[in-house]
PDB file of N, CA and C in Angstrom:
ATOM      1  N   UNK A   1      -9.468 -48.425 -10.923  1.00  0.00           N
ATOM      2  CA  UNK A   1      -9.080 -47.083 -11.411  1.00  0.00           C
ATOM      3  C   UNK A   1      -9.665 -46.707 -11.821  1.00  0.00           C
ATOM      4  N   UNK A   2     -10.631 -45.288 -12.075  1.00  0.00           N
ATOM      5  CA  UNK A   2     -11.077 -44.693 -12.578  1.00  0.00           C
ATOM      6  C   UNK A   2     -10.893 -44.391 -14.053  1.00  0.00           C
ATOM      7  N   UNK A   3     -11.830 -44.159 -14.934  1.00  0.00           N
ATOM      8  CA  UNK A   3     -11.403 -43.773 -15.970  1.00  0.00           C
ATOM      9  C   UNK A   3     -10.822 -42.060 -16.169  1.00  0.00           C
ATOM     10  N   UNK A   4     -10.226 -41.656 -17.377  1.00  0.00           N
ATOM     11  CA  UNK A   4      -9.186 -40.540 -17.370  1.00  0.00           C
ATOM     12  C   UNK A   4     -10.130 -39.127 -16.574  1.00  0.00           C
ATOM     13  N   UNK A   5     -11.307 -39.529 -17.431  1.00  0.00           N
ATOM     14  CA  UNK A   5     -12.085 -37.973 -16.928  1.00  0.00           C
ATOM     15  C   UNK A   5     -13.063 -37.703 -15.642  1.00  0.00           C
ATOM     16  N   UNK A   6     -13.022 -39.092 -15.283  1.00  0.00           N
ATOM     17  CA  UNK A   6     -13.757 -38.940 -13.669  1.00  0.00           C
ATOM     18  C   UNK A   6     -12.166 -39.152 -12.868  1.00  0.00           C
ATOM     19  N   UNK A   7     -10.984 -39.033 -12.976  1.00  0.00           N
ATOM     20  CA  UNK A   7     -10.176 -38.679 -12.462  1.00  0.00           C
ATOM     21  C   UNK A   7      -9.465 -37.551 -12.842  1.00  0.00           C
ATOM     22  N   UNK A   8      -9.347 -37.045 -13.653  1.00  0.00           N
ATOM     23  CA  UNK A   8      -9.653 -35.139 -13.595  1.00  0.00           C
ATOM     24  C   UNK A   8     -10.895 -34.743 -12.985  1.00  0.00           C
ATOM     25  N   UNK A   9     -11.670 -35.267 -12.736  1.00  0.00           N
ATOM     26  CA  UNK A   9     -12.831 -34.233 -12.300  1.00  0.00           C
ATOM     27  C   UNK A   9     -12.475 -35.027 -10.716  1.00  0.00           C
ATOM     28  N   UNK A  10     -12.066 -35.356 -10.274  1.00  0.00           N
ATOM     29  CA  UNK A  10     -11.590 -35.630  -8.873  1.00  0.00           C
ATOM     30  C   UNK A  10     -10.482 -35.080  -8.390  1.00  0.00           C
ATOM     31  N   UNK A  11      -9.524 -35.044  -9.315  1.00  0.00           N
ATOM     32  CA  UNK A  11      -8.252 -33.824  -9.156  1.00  0.00           C
ATOM     33  C   UNK A  11      -8.920 -32.610  -8.804  1.00  0.00           C
ATOM     34  N   UNK A  12      -9.532 -32.641  -9.440  1.00  0.00           N
ATOM     35  CA  UNK A  12      -9.855 -30.546  -9.669  1.00  0.00           C
ATOM     36  C   UNK A  12     -11.164 -29.990  -8.602  1.00  0.00           C
ATOM     37  N   UNK A  13     -11.489 -31.221  -8.096  1.00  0.00           N
ATOM     38  CA  UNK A  13     -12.388 -31.272  -6.878  1.00  0.00           C
ATOM     39  C   UNK A  13     -11.433 -30.717  -5.694  1.00  0.00           C
ATOM     40  N   UNK A  14     -10.095 -31.940  -5.809  1.00  0.00           N
ATOM     41  CA  UNK A  14      -9.312 -31.831  -4.854  1.00  0.00           C
ATOM     42  C   UNK A  14      -8.617 -30.367  -4.915  1.00  0.00           C
ATOM     43  N   UNK A  15      -7.933 -30.034  -5.831  1.00  0.00           N
ATOM     44  CA  UNK A  15      -7.766 -28.594  -5.720  1.00  0.00           C
ATOM     45  C   UNK A  15      -9.106 -27.464  -5.064  1.00  0.00           C
ATOM     46  N   UNK A  16     -10.072 -27.338  -5.680  1.00  0.00           N
ATOM     47  CA  UNK A  16     -10.689 -26.536  -5.592  1.00  0.00           C
ATOM     48  C   UNK A  16     -11.013 -26.675  -3.571  1.00  0.00           C
ATOM     49  N   UNK A  17     -11.477 -27.946  -2.878  1.00  0.00           N
ATOM     50  CA  UNK A  17     -11.371 -27.820  -1.592  1.00  0.00           C
ATOM     51  C   UNK A  17     -10.212 -27.213  -0.972  1.00  0.00           C
ATOM     52  N   UNK A  18      -8.831 -27.654  -1.599  1.00  0.00           N
ATOM     53  CA  UNK A  18      -7.967 -27.321  -1.083  1.00  0.00           C
ATOM     54  C   UNK A  18      -7.866 -25.729  -0.795  1.00  0.00           C
ATOM     55  N   UNK A  19      -8.593 -24.632  -1.927  1.00  0.00           N
ATOM     56  CA  UNK A  19      -8.373 -23.578  -1.762  1.00  0.00           C
ATOM     57  C   UNK A  19      -9.113 -22.830  -1.048  1.00  0.00           C
ATOM     58  N   UNK A  20     -10.721 -23.657  -1.471  1.00  0.00           N
ATOM     59  CA  UNK A  20     -11.709 -23.025  -0.475  1.00  0.00           C
ATOM     60  C   UNK A  20     -12.606 -24.074   0.646  1.00  0.00           C
ATOM     61  N   UNK A  21     -11.514 -24.710   0.918  1.00  0.00           N
ATOM     62  CA  UNK A  21     -11.802 -25.642   2.200  1.00  0.00           C
ATOM     63  C   UNK A  21     -12.755 -25.245   3.251  1.00  0.00           C
ATOM     64  N   UNK A  22     -13.240 -25.972   4.235  1.00  0.00           N
ATOM     65  CA  UNK A  22     -13.642 -25.142   5.034  1.00  0.00           C
ATOM     66  C   UNK A  22     -13.674 -24.454   6.302  1.00  0.00           C
ATOM     67  N   UNK A  23     -11.416 -25.294   6.457  1.00  0.00           N
ATOM     68  CA  UNK A  23     -10.880 -25.027   6.932  1.00  0.00           C
ATOM     69  C   UNK A  23     -10.478 -23.365   6.563  1.00  0.00           C
ATOM     70  N   UNK A  24     -10.688 -23.084   5.802  1.00  0.00           N
ATOM     71  CA  UNK A  24      -9.398 -21.508   5.692  1.00  0.00           C
ATOM     72  C   UNK A  24     -10.940 -20.714   5.247  1.00  0.00           C
ATOM     73  N   UNK A  25     -10.786 -19.028   5.789  1.00  0.00           N
ATOM     74  CA  UNK A  25     -11.677 -18.269   5.254  1.00  0.00           C
ATOM     75  C   UNK A  25     -11.625 -17.423   4.052  1.00  0.00           C
ATOM     76  N   UNK A  26     -12.433 -17.086   3.902  1.00  0.00           N
ATOM     77  CA  UNK A  26     -12.299 -16.368   2.400  1.00  0.00           C
ATOM     78  C   UNK A  26     -11.120 -15.481   1.838  1.00  0.00           C
ATOM     79  N   UNK A  27     -10.318 -15.333   1.042  1.00  0.00           N
ATOM     80  CA  UNK A  27      -9.093 -14.667   1.005  1.00  0.00           C
ATOM     81  C   UNK A  27      -8.181 -14.862   1.935  1.00  0.00           C
ATOM     82  N   UNK A  28      -7.735 -16.274   2.328  1.00  0.00           N
ATOM     83  CA  UNK A  28      -7.171 -16.484   3.318  1.00  0.00           C
ATOM     84  C   UNK A  28      -5.658 -16.291   2.804  1.00  0.00           C
ATOM     85  N   UNK A  29      -5.067 -15.843   1.707  1.00  0.00           N
ATOM     86  CA  UNK A  29      -3.914 -15.620   1.313  1.00  0.00           C
ATOM     87  C   UNK A  29      -3.866 -14.156   1.873  1.00  0.00           C
ATOM     88  N   UNK A  30      -4.748 -13.402   1.946  1.00  0.00           N
ATOM     89  CA  UNK A  30      -4.134 -12.041   2.653  1.00  0.00           C
ATOM     90  C   UNK A  30      -4.332 -11.647   3.338  1.00  0.00           C
ATOM     91  N   UNK A  31      -4.386 -12.351   4.460  1.00  0.00           N
ATOM     92  CA  UNK A  31      -4.849 -12.282   5.876  1.00  0.00           C
ATOM     93  C   UNK A  31      -3.021 -12.361   6.303  1.00  0.00           C
ATOM     94  N   UNK A  32      -2.844 -11.519   7.255  1.00  0.00           N
ATOM     95  CA  UNK A  32      -1.592 -11.131   7.724  1.00  0.00           C
ATOM     96  C   UNK A  32      -1.300 -12.024   9.233  1.00  0.00           C
ATOM     97  N   UNK A  33      -0.561 -12.777   9.154  1.00  0.00           N
ATOM     98  CA  UNK A  33      -0.173 -14.110  10.234  1.00  0.00           C
ATOM     99  C   UNK A  33       0.788 -13.598  11.351  1.00  0.00           C
ATOM    100  N   UNK A  34       0.969 -12.940  10.736  1.00  0.00           N
ATOM    101  CA  UNK A  34       2.464 -12.595  11.672  1.00  0.00           C
ATOM    102  C   UNK A  34       2.190 -11.720  12.882  1.00  0.00           C
ATOM    103  N   UNK A  35       2.650 -11.576  14.112  1.00  0.00           N
ATOM    104  CA  UNK A  35       2.311 -11.004  15.230  1.00  0.00           C
ATOM    105  C   UNK A  35       2.930  -9.608  14.925  1.00  0.00           C
ATOM    106  N   UNK A  36       4.071  -9.609  14.556  1.00  0.00           N
ATOM    107  CA  UNK A  36       4.557  -8.327  14.407  1.00  0.00           C
ATOM    108  C   UNK A  36       4.680  -7.399  12.519  1.00  0.00           C
ATOM    109  N   UNK A  37       3.844  -7.594  12.144  1.00  0.00           N
ATOM    110  CA  UNK A  37       3.755  -7.194  10.786  1.00  0.00           C
ATOM    111  C   UNK A  37       4.707  -6.497   9.843  1.00  0.00           C
ATOM    112  N   UNK A  38       5.033  -6.680   9.224  1.00  0.00           N
ATOM    113  CA  UNK A  38       6.266  -6.262   8.343  1.00  0.00           C
ATOM    114  C   UNK A  38       6.192  -5.294   7.733  1.00  0.00           C
ATOM    115  N   UNK A  39       5.328  -3.914   8.198  1.00  0.00           N
ATOM    116  CA  UNK A  39       4.510  -2.738   7.712  1.00  0.00           C
ATOM    117  C   UNK A  39       5.307  -1.921   8.596  1.00  0.00           C
ATOM    118  N   UNK A  40       6.033  -1.311   7.944  1.00  0.00           N
ATOM    119  CA  UNK A  40       6.186  -0.039   8.674  1.00  0.00           C
ATOM    120  C   UNK A  40       6.927   0.863   7.702  1.00  0.00           C
ATOM    121  N   UNK A  41       6.676   2.527   8.437  1.00  0.00           N
ATOM    122  CA  UNK A  41       7.012   3.662   7.469  1.00  0.00           C
ATOM    123  C   UNK A  41       8.636   3.568   6.667  1.00  0.00           C
ATOM    124  N   UNK A  42       8.842   3.726   5.991  1.00  0.00           N
ATOM    125  CA  UNK A  42       9.642   3.925   4.896  1.00  0.00           C
ATOM    126  C   UNK A  42      10.535   5.330   4.560  1.00  0.00           C
ATOM    127  N   UNK A  43      11.277   5.986   4.516  1.00  0.00           N
ATOM    128  CA  UNK A  43      11.619   7.109   4.094  1.00  0.00           C
ATOM    129  C   UNK A  43      12.045   6.956   2.654  1.00  0.00           C
ATOM    130  N   UNK A  44      11.904   7.994   1.961  1.00  0.00           N
ATOM    131  CA  UNK A  44      12.081   7.741   0.242  1.00  0.00           C
ATOM    132  C   UNK A  44      13.597   8.382   0.321  1.00  0.00           C
ATOM    133  N   UNK A  45      14.240   8.771   0.998  1.00  0.00           N
ATOM    134  CA  UNK A  45      15.734   9.796   1.193  1.00  0.00           C
ATOM    135  C   UNK A  45      15.781   9.361   2.324  1.00  0.00           C
ATOM    136  N   UNK A  46      17.137   9.146   2.807  1.00  0.00           N
ATOM    137  CA  UNK A  46      17.339   9.150   4.588  1.00  0.00           C
ATOM    138  C   UNK A  46      17.526  10.100   4.789  1.00  0.00           C
ATOM    139  N   UNK A  47      17.842  11.482   4.823  1.00  0.00           N
ATOM    140  CA  UNK A  47      17.860  12.678   4.648  1.00  0.00           C
ATOM    141  C   UNK A  47      16.492  12.980   5.633  1.00  0.00           C
ATOM    142  N   UNK A  48      15.624  12.373   4.853  1.00  0.00           N
ATOM    143  CA  UNK A  48      14.392  13.426   5.294  1.00  0.00           C
ATOM    144  C   UNK A  48      13.601  12.034   6.345  1.00  0.00           C
ATOM    145  N   UNK A  49      14.307  11.351   6.945  1.00  0.00           N
ATOM    146  CA  UNK A  49      14.022  10.435   7.965  1.00  0.00           C
ATOM    147  C   UNK A  49      13.488  10.889   9.338  1.00  0.00           C
ATOM    148  N   UNK A  50      12.091  10.807   9.764  1.00  0.00           N
ATOM    149  CA  UNK A  50      11.865  10.945  10.974  1.00  0.00           C
ATOM    150  C   UNK A  50      11.422  12.386  10.750  1.00  0.00           C
ATOM    151  N   UNK A  51      11.332  12.929   9.556  1.00  0.00           N
ATOM    152  CA  UNK A  51      10.360  14.335   9.089  1.00  0.00           C
ATOM    153  C   UNK A  51       9.457  13.697   8.546  1.00  0.00           C
ATOM    154  N   UNK A  52       8.348  15.142   8.220  1.00  0.00           N
ATOM    155  CA  UNK A  52       6.780  14.562   7.973  1.00  0.00           C
ATOM    156  C   UNK A  52       6.813  14.332   6.523  1.00  0.00           C
ATOM    157  N   UNK A  53       7.927  15.038   5.819  1.00  0.00           N
ATOM    158  CA  UNK A  53       7.987  14.378   4.446  1.00  0.00           C
ATOM    159  C   UNK A  53       8.658  13.037   4.513  1.00  0.00           C
ATOM    160  N   UNK A  54       9.151  12.654   5.227  1.00  0.00           N
ATOM    161  CA  UNK A  54       9.952  11.335   5.385  1.00  0.00           C
ATOM    162  C   UNK A  54       9.115   9.898   5.117  1.00  0.00           C
ATOM    163  N   UNK A  55       8.242   9.871   5.392  1.00  0.00           N
ATOM    164  CA  UNK A  55       7.328   8.672   5.159  1.00  0.00           C
ATOM    165  C   UNK A  55       6.755   9.202   3.604  1.00  0.00           C
ATOM    166  N   UNK A  56       7.240   8.110   3.185  1.00  0.00           N
ATOM    167  CA  UNK A  56       7.258   8.096   1.537  1.00  0.00           C
ATOM    168  C   UNK A  56       5.728   7.130   1.234  1.00  0.00           C
ATOM    169  N   UNK A  57       4.857   8.133   0.512  1.00  0.00           N
ATOM    170  CA  UNK A  57       3.917   7.820  -0.180  1.00  0.00           C
ATOM    171  C   UNK A  57       2.252   7.851   1.163  1.00  0.00           C
ATOM    172  N   UNK A  58       2.757   8.480   2.436  1.00  0.00           N
ATOM    173  CA  UNK A  58       1.760   8.792   3.476  1.00  0.00           C
ATOM    174  C   UNK A  58       1.062   9.995   3.237  1.00  0.00           C
ATOM    175  N   UNK A  59      -0.234   9.648   4.100  1.00  0.00           N
ATOM    176  CA  UNK A  59      -1.198  11.067   3.591  1.00  0.00           C
ATOM    177  C   UNK A  59      -0.396  12.503   4.786  1.00  0.00           C
ATOM    178  N   UNK A  60       0.322  12.334   5.183  1.00  0.00           N
ATOM    179  CA  UNK A  60       1.301  12.922   6.005  1.00  0.00           C
ATOM    180  C   UNK A  60       2.275  13.555   5.680  1.00  0.00           C
ATOM    181  N   UNK A  61       2.601  13.140   4.373  1.00  0.00           N
ATOM    182  CA  UNK A  61       4.149  13.448   3.603  1.00  0.00           C
ATOM    183  C   UNK A  61       3.634  14.267   2.689  1.00  0.00           C
ATOM    184  N   UNK A  62       2.305  13.766   2.037  1.00  0.00           N
ATOM    185  CA  UNK A  62       1.517  14.862   0.934  1.00  0.00           C
ATOM    186  C   UNK A  62       1.037  16.010   1.834  1.00  0.00           C
ATOM    187  N   UNK A  63       0.408  16.022   3.134  1.00  0.00           N
ATOM    188  CA  UNK A  63       0.149  17.115   3.113  1.00  0.00           C
ATOM    189  C   UNK A  63       1.413  17.964   3.327  1.00  0.00           C
ATOM    190  N   UNK A  64       1.950  17.712   4.155  1.00  0.00           N
ATOM    191  CA  UNK A  64       3.491  18.566   4.071  1.00  0.00           C
ATOM    192  C   UNK A  64       4.106  19.012   3.139  1.00  0.00           C
ATOM    193  N   UNK A  65       3.841  18.415   2.128  1.00  0.00           N
ATOM    194  CA  UNK A  65       4.317  18.917   0.999  1.00  0.00           C
ATOM    195  C   UNK A  65       3.162  19.811   0.421  1.00  0.00           C
ATOM    196  N   UNK A  66       2.246  19.743   0.638  1.00  0.00           N
ATOM    197  CA  UNK A  66       1.246  20.674   0.107  1.00  0.00           C
ATOM    198  C   UNK A  66       1.218  21.901   0.852  1.00  0.00           C
ATOM    199  N   UNK A  67       1.764  21.521   1.926  1.00  0.00           N
ATOM    200  CA  UNK A  67       1.626  22.890   3.247  1.00  0.00           C
ATOM    201  C   UNK A  67       3.053  23.753   2.449  1.00  0.00           C
ATOM    202  N   UNK A  68       3.730  23.120   2.123  1.00  0.00           N
ATOM    203  CA  UNK A  68       5.183  23.783   1.371  1.00  0.00           C
ATOM    204  C   UNK A  68       4.694  24.591   0.002  1.00  0.00           C
ATOM    205  N   UNK A  69       4.310  23.691  -0.645  1.00  0.00           N
ATOM    206  CA  UNK A  69       3.304  24.353  -1.816  1.00  0.00           C
ATOM    207  C   UNK A  69       2.604  25.746  -2.267  1.00  0.00           C
ATOM    208  N   UNK A  70       1.494  25.399  -0.817  1.00  0.00           N
ATOM    209  CA  UNK A  70       0.649  26.624  -0.066  1.00  0.00           C
ATOM    210  C   UNK A  70       1.657  27.665   0.192  1.00  0.00           C
ATOM    211  N   UNK A  71       2.786  27.771   0.734  1.00  0.00           N
ATOM    212  CA  UNK A  71       4.067  28.734   1.398  1.00  0.00           C
ATOM    213  C   UNK A  71       4.377  29.331   0.320  1.00  0.00           C
ATOM    214  N   UNK A  72       4.887  28.513  -0.627  1.00  0.00           N
ATOM    215  CA  UNK A  72       5.847  29.531  -1.711  1.00  0.00           C
ATOM    216  C   UNK A  72       4.528  29.874  -2.857  1.00  0.00           C
ATOM    217  N   UNK A  73       3.257  29.308  -3.164  1.00  0.00           N
ATOM    218  CA  UNK A  73       2.321  29.767  -3.716  1.00  0.00           C
ATOM    219  C   UNK A  73       2.301  31.486  -3.058  1.00  0.00           C
ATOM    220  N   UNK A  74       2.103  31.221  -1.704  1.00  0.00           N
ATOM    221  CA  UNK A  74       1.770  32.655  -1.164  1.00  0.00           C
ATOM    222  C   UNK A  74       3.030  33.897  -1.475  1.00  0.00           C
ATOM    223  N   UNK A  75       4.049  33.471  -1.124  1.00  0.00           N
ATOM    224  CA  UNK A  75       5.281  34.028  -1.343  1.00  0.00           C
ATOM    225  C   UNK A  75       5.338  34.592  -2.674  1.00  0.00           C
ATOM    226  N   UNK A  76       5.070  34.181  -3.757  1.00  0.00           N
ATOM    227  CA  UNK A  76       5.424  34.297  -5.009  1.00  0.00           C
ATOM    228  C   UNK A  76       4.055  35.443  -5.395  1.00  0.00           C
ATOM    229  N   UNK A  77       2.500  35.022  -5.026  1.00  0.00           N
ATOM    230  CA  UNK A  77       1.756  36.173  -5.035  1.00  0.00           C
ATOM    231  C   UNK A  77       1.874  37.269  -4.443  1.00  0.00           C
ATOM    232  N   UNK A  78       2.895  37.562  -2.801  1.00  0.00           N
ATOM    233  CA  UNK A  78       2.766  38.412  -2.615  1.00  0.00           C
ATOM    234  C   UNK A  78       4.011  39.447  -3.211  1.00  0.00           C
ATOM    235  N   UNK A  79       4.857  38.380  -3.924  1.00  0.00           N
ATOM    236  CA  UNK A  79       5.981  38.853  -4.795  1.00  0.00           C
ATOM    237  C   UNK A  79       5.165  40.031  -5.888  1.00  0.00           C
ATOM    238  N   UNK A  80       4.234  39.220  -6.761  1.00  0.00           N
ATOM    239  CA  UNK A  80       3.285  39.869  -7.683  1.00  0.00           C
ATOM    240  C   UNK A  80       3.105  40.890  -7.028  1.00  0.00           C
ATOM    241  N   UNK A  81       2.254  40.765  -6.005  1.00  0.00           N
ATOM    242  CA  UNK A  81       1.074  42.240  -5.547  1.00  0.00           C
ATOM    243  C   UNK A  81       2.217  43.376  -5.321  1.00  0.00           C
ATOM    244  N   UNK A  82       3.243  42.676  -4.301  1.00  0.00           N
ATOM    245  CA  UNK A  82       4.426  44.280  -4.845  1.00  0.00           C
ATOM    246  C   UNK A  82       4.812  44.473  -5.603  1.00  0.00           C
ATOM    247  N   UNK A  83       4.863  44.035  -7.102  1.00  0.00           N
ATOM    248  CA  UNK A  83       5.131  44.062  -8.086  1.00  0.00           C
ATOM    249  C   UNK A  83       7.091  44.124  -8.200  1.00  0.00           C
ATOM    250  N   UNK A  84       7.416  43.167  -7.719  1.00  0.00           N
ATOM    251  CA  UNK A  84       8.832  42.534  -7.413  1.00  0.00           C
ATOM    252  C   UNK A  84       9.229  41.623  -8.459  1.00  0.00           C
ATOM    253  N   UNK A  85       8.351  41.072  -9.288  1.00  0.00           N
ATOM    254  CA  UNK A  85       8.489  39.967 -10.364  1.00  0.00           C
ATOM    255  C   UNK A  85       8.756  41.005 -11.900  1.00  0.00           C
TER     256      UNK A  85
END
Protein backbone atom coordinates (compact mmCIF):
# COMPACT_ATOMS: atom_id res chain seq x y z
CA UNK A 1 0.00 0.00 0.00
CA UNK A 2 1.41 3.44 -0.90
CA UNK A 3 2.24 5.86 1.86
CA UNK A 4 -0.34 8.63 2.61
CA UNK A 5 1.33 11.48 0.64
CA UNK A 6 1.55 9.42 -2.53
CA UNK A 7 -2.02 8.12 -2.00
CA UNK A 8 -3.25 11.69 -1.84
CA UNK A 9 -1.34 12.49 -5.00
CA UNK A 10 -2.89 9.52 -6.81
CA UNK A 11 -6.38 10.49 -5.62
CA UNK A 12 -5.84 14.10 -6.71
CA UNK A 13 -4.77 12.91 -10.16
CA UNK A 14 -7.87 10.70 -10.38
CA UNK A 15 -10.10 13.71 -9.65
CA UNK A 16 -8.25 15.79 -12.24
CA UNK A 17 -8.63 13.06 -14.86
CA UNK A 18 -12.35 12.74 -14.12
CA UNK A 19 -12.82 16.45 -14.74
CA UNK A 20 -10.35 17.00 -17.60
CA UNK A 21 -10.19 13.56 -19.14
CA UNK A 22 -9.65 13.07 -22.87
CA UNK A 23 -13.25 11.88 -23.27
CA UNK A 24 -14.67 15.23 -22.13
CA UNK A 25 -14.63 18.48 -24.06
CA UNK A 26 -13.61 21.80 -22.54
CA UNK A 27 -16.37 23.20 -20.27
CA UNK A 28 -18.38 20.02 -20.73
CA UNK A 29 -20.76 20.97 -17.90
CA UNK A 30 -21.97 23.99 -19.87
CA UNK A 31 -23.04 22.01 -22.93
CA UNK A 32 -26.77 21.54 -23.42
CA UNK A 33 -27.23 17.86 -24.22
CA UNK A 34 -31.03 17.82 -24.36
CA UNK A 35 -32.55 17.68 -27.82
CA UNK A 36 -35.25 20.12 -26.70
CA UNK A 37 -33.60 22.58 -24.30
CA UNK A 38 -35.68 24.20 -21.62
CA UNK A 39 -35.03 27.75 -22.83
CA UNK A 40 -38.21 29.51 -23.85
CA UNK A 41 -39.48 33.05 -23.46
CA UNK A 42 -41.32 33.70 -20.22
CA UNK A 43 -43.77 36.52 -19.70
CA UNK A 44 -43.11 38.57 -16.58
CA UNK A 45 -46.83 39.35 -16.33
CA UNK A 46 -49.34 36.90 -17.75
CA UNK A 47 -51.48 39.71 -19.19
CA UNK A 48 -48.53 40.66 -21.42
CA UNK A 49 -47.97 37.14 -22.76
CA UNK A 50 -47.85 37.10 -26.53
CA UNK A 51 -47.03 40.80 -26.78
CA UNK A 52 -43.70 42.36 -27.61
CA UNK A 53 -43.26 43.54 -24.00
CA UNK A 54 -44.22 40.15 -22.62
CA UNK A 55 -40.82 38.57 -23.23
CA UNK A 56 -39.05 39.41 -19.98
CA UNK A 57 -35.42 40.33 -20.46
CA UNK A 58 -35.42 40.21 -24.25
CA UNK A 59 -34.16 42.79 -26.71
CA UNK A 60 -37.60 42.92 -28.29
CA UNK A 61 -39.17 43.87 -24.97
CA UNK A 62 -36.54 46.53 -24.41
CA UNK A 63 -37.19 47.93 -27.87
CA UNK A 64 -40.95 47.96 -27.27
CA UNK A 65 -40.55 49.78 -23.94
CA UNK A 66 -38.10 52.21 -25.51
CA UNK A 67 -40.52 52.96 -28.35
CA UNK A 68 -43.27 53.59 -25.79
CA UNK A 69 -41.02 55.95 -23.84
CA UNK A 70 -40.12 57.83 -27.04
CA UNK A 71 -43.79 58.19 -27.93
CA UNK A 72 -44.62 59.56 -24.47
CA UNK A 73 -41.63 61.92 -24.61
CA UNK A 74 -42.82 63.29 -27.95
CA UNK A 75 -46.32 63.82 -26.50
CA UNK A 76 -44.86 65.75 -23.56
CA UNK A 77 -42.66 67.87 -25.83
CA UNK A 78 -45.67 68.61 -28.07
CA UNK A 79 -47.70 69.69 -25.02
CA UNK A 80 -44.85 71.94 -23.88
CA UNK A 81 -44.55 73.48 -27.36
CA UNK A 82 -48.30 74.24 -27.40
CA UNK A 83 -48.07 75.75 -23.93
CA UNK A 84 -50.51 73.27 -22.41
CA UNK A 85 -48.25 72.42 -19.46
